[in-house]
């Protein structure tokens, strides 16, 4: 273990504890150092997560590993340095080498990651997740792998029961090779969340909340471990910016209550 990664051990253990605690973990997604600093100073914030879509957009790239890996690693390094909280990074599908990408992320101060299966053949997806677990084991820290399955995102035109069964099969397989939680993004209703928790495990399912999603208290009652918000937090910020710009250009003034967060 390098000295840099050794120093991350307490943060990694804390992030793992937060995922295993009975209280649901909410991670607010950030995309740069100032958004990380602003969120980490809010009472109740216990960990942060990056959003690949938001980081890519802030650098002028579309989502989907279009931002070069070096730029992504530099971005998450700056975010991790801006907060004392543990940070989990969205590393998409791992840029062709998930284990090495996660090793580099750990060197940048990251103690957890999302890795997408992109609905690759199950054996290939399991190998992806296993490589991340092995990389973390080699460094000797309690790295949190939030293994993502795109079953619902890519299965919108398929039989819902088959999509659900696929998500559960993949989730169980990812847990079997050492993933901490299974991330199932999508607009999920109560029956679907209940089935996922029953099939994958209590306190093992991670979801994204989007407009129309179940409330955190309801998700906790159903046995969900973690909620994140993906690119929606950046969209909230950009909506506020656009609305303020429109108001100013129309002769108005800055919103009352605007605070200095830097």
C-alpha atoms as a PDB file:
ATOM      1  CA  UNK A   1       0.000   0.000   0.000  1.00  0.00           C
ATOM      2  CA  UNK A   2       1.336   3.433  -0.876  1.00  0.00           C
ATOM      3  CA  UNK A   3       1.510   6.060   1.850  1.00  0.00           C
ATOM      4  CA  UNK A   4      -1.038   8.183  -0.007  1.00  0.00           C
ATOM      5  CA  UNK A   5      -3.590   5.366  -0.123  1.00  0.00           C
ATOM      6  CA  UNK A   6      -2.762   4.239   3.437  1.00  0.00           C
ATOM      7  CA  UNK A   7      -3.890   7.659   4.660  1.00  0.00           C
ATOM      8  CA  UNK A   8      -7.297   7.014   3.083  1.00  0.00           C
ATOM      9  CA  UNK A   9      -8.039   3.964   5.227  1.00  0.00           C
ATOM     10  CA  UNK A  10     -10.150   5.814   7.843  1.00  0.00           C
ATOM     11  CA  UNK A  11     -12.241   7.532   5.161  1.00  0.00           C
ATOM     12  CA  UNK A  12     -12.735   4.265   3.322  1.00  0.00           C
ATOM     13  CA  UNK A  13     -13.838   2.500   6.503  1.00  0.00           C
ATOM     14  CA  UNK A  14     -16.220   5.346   7.293  1.00  0.00           C
ATOM     15  CA  UNK A  15     -17.778   5.221   3.825  1.00  0.00           C
ATOM     16  CA  UNK A  16     -18.258   1.465   4.190  1.00  0.00           C
ATOM     17  CA  UNK A  17     -19.852   1.965   7.614  1.00  0.00           C
ATOM     18  CA  UNK A  18     -22.265   4.536   6.171  1.00  0.00           C
ATOM     19  CA  UNK A  19     -23.355   2.029   3.518  1.00  0.00           C
ATOM     20  CA  UNK A  20     -23.888  -0.688   6.112  1.00  0.00           C
ATOM     21  CA  UNK A  21     -25.668   1.485   8.702  1.00  0.00           C
ATOM     22  CA  UNK A  22     -29.424   1.038   9.200  1.00  0.00           C
ATOM     23  CA  UNK A  23     -29.985   4.692   8.266  1.00  0.00           C
ATOM     24  CA  UNK A  24     -30.177   5.312   4.540  1.00  0.00           C
ATOM     25  CA  UNK A  25     -27.148   7.106   3.098  1.00  0.00           C
ATOM     26  CA  UNK A  26     -27.841  10.142   0.939  1.00  0.00           C
ATOM     27  CA  UNK A  27     -24.929  11.306  -1.180  1.00  0.00           C
ATOM     28  CA  UNK A  28     -25.327  14.627  -2.962  1.00  0.00           C
ATOM     29  CA  UNK A  29     -23.565  14.542  -6.308  1.00  0.00           C
ATOM     30  CA  UNK A  30     -20.918  17.190  -7.006  1.00  0.00           C
ATOM     31  CA  UNK A  31     -18.803  18.018 -10.035  1.00  0.00           C
ATOM     32  CA  UNK A  32     -15.966  20.341  -8.980  1.00  0.00           C
ATOM     33  CA  UNK A  33     -14.110  21.620  -5.937  1.00  0.00           C
ATOM     34  CA  UNK A  34     -16.501  24.457  -5.099  1.00  0.00           C
ATOM     35  CA  UNK A  35     -19.636  22.307  -5.360  1.00  0.00           C
ATOM     36  CA  UNK A  36     -17.910  19.732  -3.124  1.00  0.00           C
ATOM     37  CA  UNK A  37     -17.000  22.399  -0.576  1.00  0.00           C
ATOM     38  CA  UNK A  38     -20.497  23.899  -0.577  1.00  0.00           C
ATOM     39  CA  UNK A  39     -22.251  20.567  -0.036  1.00  0.00           C
ATOM     40  CA  UNK A  40     -19.765  19.195   2.503  1.00  0.00           C
ATOM     41  CA  UNK A  41     -20.389  22.192   4.781  1.00  0.00           C
ATOM     42  CA  UNK A  42     -24.130  21.508   4.990  1.00  0.00           C
ATOM     43  CA  UNK A  43     -25.221  19.858   8.265  1.00  0.00           C
ATOM     44  CA  UNK A  44     -26.116  16.235   7.667  1.00  0.00           C
ATOM     45  CA  UNK A  45     -23.703  15.679   4.797  1.00  0.00           C
ATOM     46  CA  UNK A  46     -21.646  12.589   5.630  1.00  0.00           C
ATOM     47  CA  UNK A  47     -20.185  11.626   2.235  1.00  0.00           C
ATOM     48  CA  UNK A  48     -20.068  12.942  -1.314  1.00  0.00           C
ATOM     49  CA  UNK A  49     -20.366  11.343  -4.723  1.00  0.00           C
ATOM     50  CA  UNK A  50     -19.273  12.672  -8.067  1.00  0.00           C
ATOM     51  CA  UNK A  51     -21.446  12.496 -11.187  1.00  0.00           C
ATOM     52  CA  UNK A  52     -19.627  11.578 -14.390  1.00  0.00           C
ATOM     53  CA  UNK A  53     -22.227  13.349 -16.531  1.00  0.00           C
ATOM     54  CA  UNK A  54     -21.788  16.576 -14.540  1.00  0.00           C
ATOM     55  CA  UNK A  55     -17.987  16.460 -14.551  1.00  0.00           C
ATOM     56  CA  UNK A  56     -17.922  15.783 -18.283  1.00  0.00           C
ATOM     57  CA  UNK A  57     -20.363  18.629 -18.945  1.00  0.00           C
ATOM     58  CA  UNK A  58     -18.334  21.064 -16.850  1.00  0.00           C
ATOM     59  CA  UNK A  59     -15.299  20.211 -19.006  1.00  0.00           C
ATOM     60  CA  UNK A  60     -17.173  20.516 -22.291  1.00  0.00           C
ATOM     61  CA  UNK A  61     -17.642  16.799 -23.023  1.00  0.00           C
ATOM     62  CA  UNK A  62     -20.731  14.613 -23.434  1.00  0.00           C
ATOM     63  CA  UNK A  63     -21.250  11.766 -20.981  1.00  0.00           C
ATOM     64  CA  UNK A  64     -20.058   8.261 -21.810  1.00  0.00           C
ATOM     65  CA  UNK A  65     -16.290   8.241 -21.157  1.00  0.00           C
ATOM     66  CA  UNK A  66     -15.820  11.053 -23.671  1.00  0.00           C
ATOM     67  CA  UNK A  67     -13.831  13.051 -21.126  1.00  0.00           C
ATOM     68  CA  UNK A  68     -10.266  11.666 -21.138  1.00  0.00           C
ATOM     69  CA  UNK A  69      -9.398   9.546 -18.132  1.00  0.00           C
ATOM     70  CA  UNK A  70      -6.561  11.857 -17.093  1.00  0.00           C
ATOM     71  CA  UNK A  71      -8.997  14.777 -16.920  1.00  0.00           C
ATOM     72  CA  UNK A  72     -11.524  12.715 -14.970  1.00  0.00           C
ATOM     73  CA  UNK A  73      -8.904  11.604 -12.442  1.00  0.00           C
ATOM     74  CA  UNK A  74      -7.704  15.197 -12.060  1.00  0.00           C
ATOM     75  CA  UNK A  75     -11.291  16.340 -11.503  1.00  0.00           C
ATOM     76  CA  UNK A  76     -12.007  13.779  -8.783  1.00  0.00           C
ATOM     77  CA  UNK A  77      -8.630  14.555  -7.196  1.00  0.00           C
ATOM     78  CA  UNK A  78      -9.627  18.214  -6.851  1.00  0.00           C
ATOM     79  CA  UNK A  79     -12.995  17.237  -5.412  1.00  0.00           C
ATOM     80  CA  UNK A  80     -11.463  14.881  -2.844  1.00  0.00           C
ATOM     81  CA  UNK A  81      -8.970  17.575  -1.818  1.00  0.00           C
ATOM     82  CA  UNK A  82     -11.764  20.113  -1.275  1.00  0.00           C
ATOM     83  CA  UNK A  83     -13.537  18.159   1.482  1.00  0.00           C
ATOM     84  CA  UNK A  84     -12.817  16.178   4.621  1.00  0.00           C
ATOM     85  CA  UNK A  85     -15.705  13.823   3.808  1.00  0.00           C
ATOM     86  CA  UNK A  86     -15.221  10.469   2.057  1.00  0.00           C
ATOM     87  CA  UNK A  87     -15.800  10.700  -1.701  1.00  0.00           C
ATOM     88  CA  UNK A  88     -17.155   8.069  -4.076  1.00  0.00           C
ATOM     89  CA  UNK A  89     -16.460   8.658  -7.776  1.00  0.00           C
ATOM     90  CA  UNK A  90     -18.607   7.796 -10.765  1.00  0.00           C
ATOM     91  CA  UNK A  91     -16.078   6.164 -13.100  1.00  0.00           C
ATOM     92  CA  UNK A  92     -18.589   4.968 -15.710  1.00  0.00           C
ATOM     93  CA  UNK A  93     -17.512   1.547 -17.013  1.00  0.00           C
ATOM     94  CA  UNK A  94     -13.899   1.964 -15.902  1.00  0.00           C
ATOM     95  CA  UNK A  95     -12.407   3.223 -19.180  1.00  0.00           C
ATOM     96  CA  UNK A  96     -11.618  -0.247 -20.468  1.00  0.00           C
ATOM     97  CA  UNK A  97      -9.668  -1.275 -17.363  1.00  0.00           C
ATOM     98  CA  UNK A  98     -11.781  -0.836 -14.223  1.00  0.00           C
ATOM     99  CA  UNK A  99      -9.188  -2.197 -11.818  1.00  0.00           C
ATOM    100  CA  UNK A 100      -6.458   0.157 -13.021  1.00  0.00           C
ATOM    101  CA  UNK A 101      -8.861   3.094 -13.198  1.00  0.00           C
ATOM    102  CA  UNK A 102      -9.943   2.519  -9.613  1.00  0.00           C
ATOM    103  CA  UNK A 103      -6.308   2.145  -8.533  1.00  0.00           C
ATOM    104  CA  UNK A 104      -5.617   5.572 -10.019  1.00  0.00           C
ATOM    105  CA  UNK A 105      -8.732   6.986  -8.364  1.00  0.00           C
ATOM    106  CA  UNK A 106      -7.575   5.729  -4.972  1.00  0.00           C
ATOM    107  CA  UNK A 107      -4.277   7.485  -5.587  1.00  0.00           C
ATOM    108  CA  UNK A 108      -6.325  10.640  -6.153  1.00  0.00           C
ATOM    109  CA  UNK A 109      -8.077  10.356  -2.778  1.00  0.00           C
ATOM    110  CA  UNK A 110     -11.215   8.426  -3.773  1.00  0.00           C
ATOM    111  CA  UNK A 111     -12.562   5.691  -1.467  1.00  0.00           C
ATOM    112  CA  UNK A 112     -15.557   4.402  -3.429  1.00  0.00           C
ATOM    113  CA  UNK A 113     -16.749   4.127  -7.013  1.00  0.00           C
ATOM    114  CA  UNK A 114     -19.637   3.410  -9.322  1.00  0.00           C
ATOM    115  CA  UNK A 115     -18.745   1.035 -12.142  1.00  0.00           C
ATOM    116  CA  UNK A 116     -21.366   0.344 -14.852  1.00  0.00           C
ATOM    117  CA  UNK A 117     -22.032  -3.059 -16.351  1.00  0.00           C
ATOM    118  CA  UNK A 118     -23.558  -1.445 -19.493  1.00  0.00           C
ATOM    119  CA  UNK A 119     -25.400  -4.768 -19.849  1.00  0.00           C
ATOM    120  CA  UNK A 120     -22.325  -6.566 -21.081  1.00  0.00           C
ATOM    121  CA  UNK A 121     -22.564 -10.375 -20.957  1.00  0.00           C
ATOM    122  CA  UNK A 122     -22.833 -11.361 -17.311  1.00  0.00           C
ATOM    123  CA  UNK A 123     -19.450 -13.094 -17.156  1.00  0.00           C
ATOM    124  CA  UNK A 124     -17.746 -10.004 -18.576  1.00  0.00           C
ATOM    125  CA  UNK A 125     -19.592  -7.707 -16.169  1.00  0.00           C
ATOM    126  CA  UNK A 126     -18.652  -9.884 -13.204  1.00  0.00           C
ATOM    127  CA  UNK A 127     -15.019  -9.802 -14.325  1.00  0.00           C
ATOM    128  CA  UNK A 128     -15.192  -5.979 -14.388  1.00  0.00           C
ATOM    129  CA  UNK A 129     -16.442  -5.824 -10.813  1.00  0.00           C
ATOM    130  CA  UNK A 130     -14.010  -8.470  -9.635  1.00  0.00           C
ATOM    131  CA  UNK A 131     -11.072  -6.490 -11.018  1.00  0.00           C
ATOM    132  CA  UNK A 132     -12.133  -3.483  -8.940  1.00  0.00           C
ATOM    133  CA  UNK A 133     -12.404  -5.564  -5.780  1.00  0.00           C
ATOM    134  CA  UNK A 134      -8.952  -7.067  -6.383  1.00  0.00           C
ATOM    135  CA  UNK A 135      -7.443  -3.609  -6.929  1.00  0.00           C
ATOM    136  CA  UNK A 136      -8.889  -2.428  -3.621  1.00  0.00           C
ATOM    137  CA  UNK A 137      -7.730  -5.547  -1.810  1.00  0.00           C
ATOM    138  CA  UNK A 138      -4.218  -4.967  -3.137  1.00  0.00           C
ATOM    139  CA  UNK A 139      -4.256  -1.512  -1.548  1.00  0.00           C
ATOM    140  CA  UNK A 140      -5.679  -2.859   1.718  1.00  0.00           C
ATOM    141  CA  UNK A 141      -8.534  -0.394   2.250  1.00  0.00           C
ATOM    142  CA  UNK A 142     -12.298  -0.841   2.649  1.00  0.00           C
ATOM    143  CA  UNK A 143     -13.068   0.517  -0.796  1.00  0.00           C
ATOM    144  CA  UNK A 144     -16.814   0.781  -1.540  1.00  0.00           C
ATOM    145  CA  UNK A 145     -17.865  -0.632  -4.903  1.00  0.00           C
ATOM    146  CA  UNK A 146     -21.354   0.535  -5.848  1.00  0.00           C
ATOM    147  CA  UNK A 147     -21.733  -1.878  -8.758  1.00  0.00           C
ATOM    148  CA  UNK A 148     -24.185  -0.502 -11.285  1.00  0.00           C
ATOM    149  CA  UNK A 149     -26.449  -2.519 -13.523  1.00  0.00           C
ATOM    150  CA  UNK A 150     -28.143  -0.775 -16.431  1.00  0.00           C
ATOM    151  CA  UNK A 151     -30.908  -3.380 -16.632  1.00  0.00           C
ATOM    152  CA  UNK A 152     -33.725  -0.845 -16.245  1.00  0.00           C
ATOM    153  CA  UNK A 153     -32.063   1.920 -18.262  1.00  0.00           C
ATOM    154  CA  UNK A 154     -31.475  -0.344 -21.256  1.00  0.00           C
ATOM    155  CA  UNK A 155     -34.524  -2.584 -20.840  1.00  0.00           C
ATOM    156  CA  UNK A 156     -37.341  -0.066 -21.241  1.00  0.00           C
ATOM    157  CA  UNK A 157     -38.829  -1.911 -24.237  1.00  0.00           C
ATOM    158  CA  UNK A 158     -38.490  -5.374 -22.688  1.00  0.00           C
ATOM    159  CA  UNK A 159     -40.745  -7.455 -20.477  1.00  0.00           C
ATOM    160  CA  UNK A 160     -40.595  -5.781 -17.032  1.00  0.00           C
ATOM    161  CA  UNK A 161     -40.439  -9.117 -15.214  1.00  0.00           C
ATOM    162  CA  UNK A 162     -37.450 -10.169 -17.317  1.00  0.00           C
ATOM    163  CA  UNK A 163     -35.713  -6.850 -16.674  1.00  0.00           C
ATOM    164  CA  UNK A 164     -36.280  -7.237 -12.937  1.00  0.00           C
ATOM    165  CA  UNK A 165     -34.966 -10.802 -12.971  1.00  0.00           C
ATOM    166  CA  UNK A 166     -31.896  -9.678 -14.921  1.00  0.00           C
ATOM    167  CA  UNK A 167     -31.170  -6.882 -12.433  1.00  0.00           C
ATOM    168  CA  UNK A 168     -31.461  -9.283  -9.514  1.00  0.00           C
ATOM    169  CA  UNK A 169     -29.250 -11.912 -11.130  1.00  0.00           C
ATOM    170  CA  UNK A 170     -26.595  -9.354 -11.927  1.00  0.00           C
ATOM    171  CA  UNK A 171     -26.817  -7.752  -8.506  1.00  0.00           C
ATOM    172  CA  UNK A 172     -26.339 -11.041  -6.704  1.00  0.00           C
ATOM    173  CA  UNK A 173     -23.397 -11.910  -8.947  1.00  0.00           C
ATOM    174  CA  UNK A 174     -21.734  -8.560  -8.230  1.00  0.00           C
ATOM    175  CA  UNK A 175     -22.195  -8.993  -4.486  1.00  0.00           C
ATOM    176  CA  UNK A 176     -20.726 -12.492  -4.741  1.00  0.00           C
ATOM    177  CA  UNK A 177     -17.421 -11.072  -6.034  1.00  0.00           C
ATOM    178  CA  UNK A 178     -17.240  -8.405  -3.334  1.00  0.00           C
ATOM    179  CA  UNK A 179     -19.333  -5.390  -4.365  1.00  0.00           C
ATOM    180  CA  UNK A 180     -20.656  -3.404  -1.398  1.00  0.00           C
ATOM    181  CA  UNK A 181     -23.963  -2.394  -2.953  1.00  0.00           C
ATOM    182  CA  UNK A 182     -25.783  -2.755  -6.257  1.00  0.00           C
ATOM    183  CA  UNK A 183     -26.800   0.459  -8.010  1.00  0.00           C
ATOM    184  CA  UNK A 184     -29.999   0.124 -10.056  1.00  0.00           C
ATOM    185  CA  UNK A 185     -30.706   3.491 -11.701  1.00  0.00           C
ATOM    186  CA  UNK A 186     -34.131   4.274 -13.123  1.00  0.00           C
ATOM    187  CA  UNK A 187     -37.476   5.717 -12.074  1.00  0.00           C
ATOM    188  CA  UNK A 188     -38.541   2.841  -9.796  1.00  0.00           C
ATOM    189  CA  UNK A 189     -41.928   2.423  -8.157  1.00  0.00           C
ATOM    190  CA  UNK A 190     -42.521   0.902  -4.727  1.00  0.00           C
ATOM    191  CA  UNK A 191     -43.264  -2.586  -6.036  1.00  0.00           C
ATOM    192  CA  UNK A 192     -40.064  -2.640  -8.077  1.00  0.00           C
ATOM    193  CA  UNK A 193     -37.905  -1.393  -5.215  1.00  0.00           C
ATOM    194  CA  UNK A 194     -39.457  -3.979  -2.911  1.00  0.00           C
ATOM    195  CA  UNK A 195     -38.727  -6.763  -5.411  1.00  0.00           C
ATOM    196  CA  UNK A 196     -35.137  -5.573  -5.876  1.00  0.00           C
ATOM    197  CA  UNK A 197     -34.498  -5.519  -2.134  1.00  0.00           C
ATOM    198  CA  UNK A 198     -36.115  -8.940  -1.715  1.00  0.00           C
ATOM    199  CA  UNK A 199     -34.004 -10.345  -4.541  1.00  0.00           C
ATOM    200  CA  UNK A 200     -30.662  -8.619  -3.951  1.00  0.00           C
ATOM    201  CA  UNK A 201     -30.687  -8.073  -0.216  1.00  0.00           C
ATOM    202  CA  UNK A 202     -31.722  -5.724   2.564  1.00  0.00           C
ATOM    203  CA  UNK A 203     -29.407  -2.704   2.730  1.00  0.00           C
ATOM    204  CA  UNK A 204     -27.686  -3.777  -0.491  1.00  0.00           C
ATOM    205  CA  UNK A 205     -29.602  -1.785  -3.123  1.00  0.00           C
ATOM    206  CA  UNK A 206     -28.578   1.709  -4.224  1.00  0.00           C
ATOM    207  CA  UNK A 207     -30.898   3.952  -6.243  1.00  0.00           C
ATOM    208  CA  UNK A 208     -30.923   7.319  -7.949  1.00  0.00           C
ATOM    209  CA  UNK A 209     -33.642   9.809  -7.096  1.00  0.00           C
ATOM    210  CA  UNK A 210     -35.048  11.807  -9.986  1.00  0.00           C
ATOM    211  CA  UNK A 211     -38.194  13.939 -10.193  1.00  0.00           C
ATOM    212  CA  UNK A 212     -41.038  11.588  -9.285  1.00  0.00           C
ATOM    213  CA  UNK A 213     -38.956   9.136  -7.249  1.00  0.00           C
ATOM    214  CA  UNK A 214     -39.961   7.776  -3.858  1.00  0.00           C
ATOM    215  CA  UNK A 215     -39.002   9.900  -0.859  1.00  0.00           C
ATOM    216  CA  UNK A 216     -35.905   8.969   1.174  1.00  0.00           C
ATOM    217  CA  UNK A 217     -37.986   7.893   4.193  1.00  0.00           C
ATOM    218  CA  UNK A 218     -40.012   5.523   2.028  1.00  0.00           C
ATOM    219  CA  UNK A 219     -36.865   4.085   0.452  1.00  0.00           C
ATOM    220  CA  UNK A 220     -35.300   3.541   3.871  1.00  0.00           C
ATOM    221  CA  UNK A 221     -38.415   1.699   5.035  1.00  0.00           C
ATOM    222  CA  UNK A 222     -38.150  -0.541   1.969  1.00  0.00           C
ATOM    223  CA  UNK A 223     -34.538  -1.477   2.804  1.00  0.00           C
ATOM    224  CA  UNK A 224     -32.574   0.685   0.348  1.00  0.00           C
ATOM    225  CA  UNK A 225     -28.989   1.424   1.421  1.00  0.00           C
ATOM    226  CA  UNK A 226     -28.121   4.534  -0.574  1.00  0.00           C
ATOM    227  CA  UNK A 227     -29.631   7.351  -2.610  1.00  0.00           C
ATOM    228  CA  UNK A 228     -27.725   9.515  -5.070  1.00  0.00           C
ATOM    229  CA  UNK A 229     -28.924  12.206  -7.456  1.00  0.00           C
ATOM    230  CA  UNK A 230     -26.683  11.940 -10.515  1.00  0.00           C
ATOM    231  CA  UNK A 231     -26.668  14.974 -12.816  1.00  0.00           C
ATOM    232  CA  UNK A 232     -29.821  16.412 -11.280  1.00  0.00           C
ATOM    233  CA  UNK A 233     -27.962  18.453  -8.669  1.00  0.00           C
ATOM    234  CA  UNK A 234     -25.992  20.205 -11.400  1.00  0.00           C
ATOM    235  CA  UNK A 235     -29.237  20.767 -13.301  1.00  0.00           C
ATOM    236  CA  UNK A 236     -30.704  22.418 -10.200  1.00  0.00           C
ATOM    237  CA  UNK A 237     -27.680  24.710  -9.982  1.00  0.00           C
ATOM    238  CA  UNK A 238     -27.737  25.542 -13.692  1.00  0.00           C
ATOM    239  CA  UNK A 239     -31.489  26.198 -13.577  1.00  0.00           C
ATOM    240  CA  UNK A 240     -30.906  28.702 -10.783  1.00  0.00           C
ATOM    241  CA  UNK A 241     -28.102  30.311 -12.809  1.00  0.00           C
ATOM    242  CA  UNK A 242     -30.209  30.532 -15.969  1.00  0.00           C
ATOM    243  CA  UNK A 243     -33.192  31.939 -14.081  1.00  0.00           C
ATOM    244  CA  UNK A 244     -31.004  34.540 -12.358  1.00  0.00           C
ATOM    245  CA  UNK A 245     -29.341  35.487 -15.643  1.00  0.00           C
ATOM    246  CA  UNK A 246     -32.750  35.968 -17.251  1.00  0.00           C
ATOM    247  CA  UNK A 247     -33.874  38.110 -14.329  1.00  0.00           C
ATOM    248  CA  UNK A 248     -30.720  40.267 -14.465  1.00  0.00           C
ATOM    249  CA  UNK A 249     -30.870  40.717 -18.244  1.00  0.00           C
ATOM    250  CA  UNK A 250     -34.496  41.786 -17.880  1.00  0.00           C
ATOM    251  CA  UNK A 251     -33.467  44.554 -15.501  1.00  0.00           C
ATOM    252  CA  UNK A 252     -33.950  42.702 -12.242  1.00  0.00           C
ATOM    253  CA  UNK A 253     -31.613  42.091  -9.339  1.00  0.00           C
ATOM    254  CA  UNK A 254     -29.806  39.240  -7.686  1.00  0.00           C
ATOM    255  CA  UNK A 255     -31.963  36.903  -5.579  1.00  0.00           C
ATOM    256  CA  UNK A 256     -32.364  37.898  -1.944  1.00  0.00           C
ATOM    257  CA  UNK A 257     -30.585  35.518   0.395  1.00  0.00           C
ATOM    258  CA  UNK A 258     -27.758  34.721  -2.009  1.00  0.00           C
ATOM    259  CA  UNK A 259     -24.815  33.488   0.074  1.00  0.00           C
ATOM    260  CA  UNK A 260     -21.072  33.405  -0.437  1.00  0.00           C
ATOM    261  CA  UNK A 261     -20.153  29.691  -0.369  1.00  0.00           C
ATOM    262  CA  UNK A 262     -16.517  29.929  -1.332  1.00  0.00           C
END
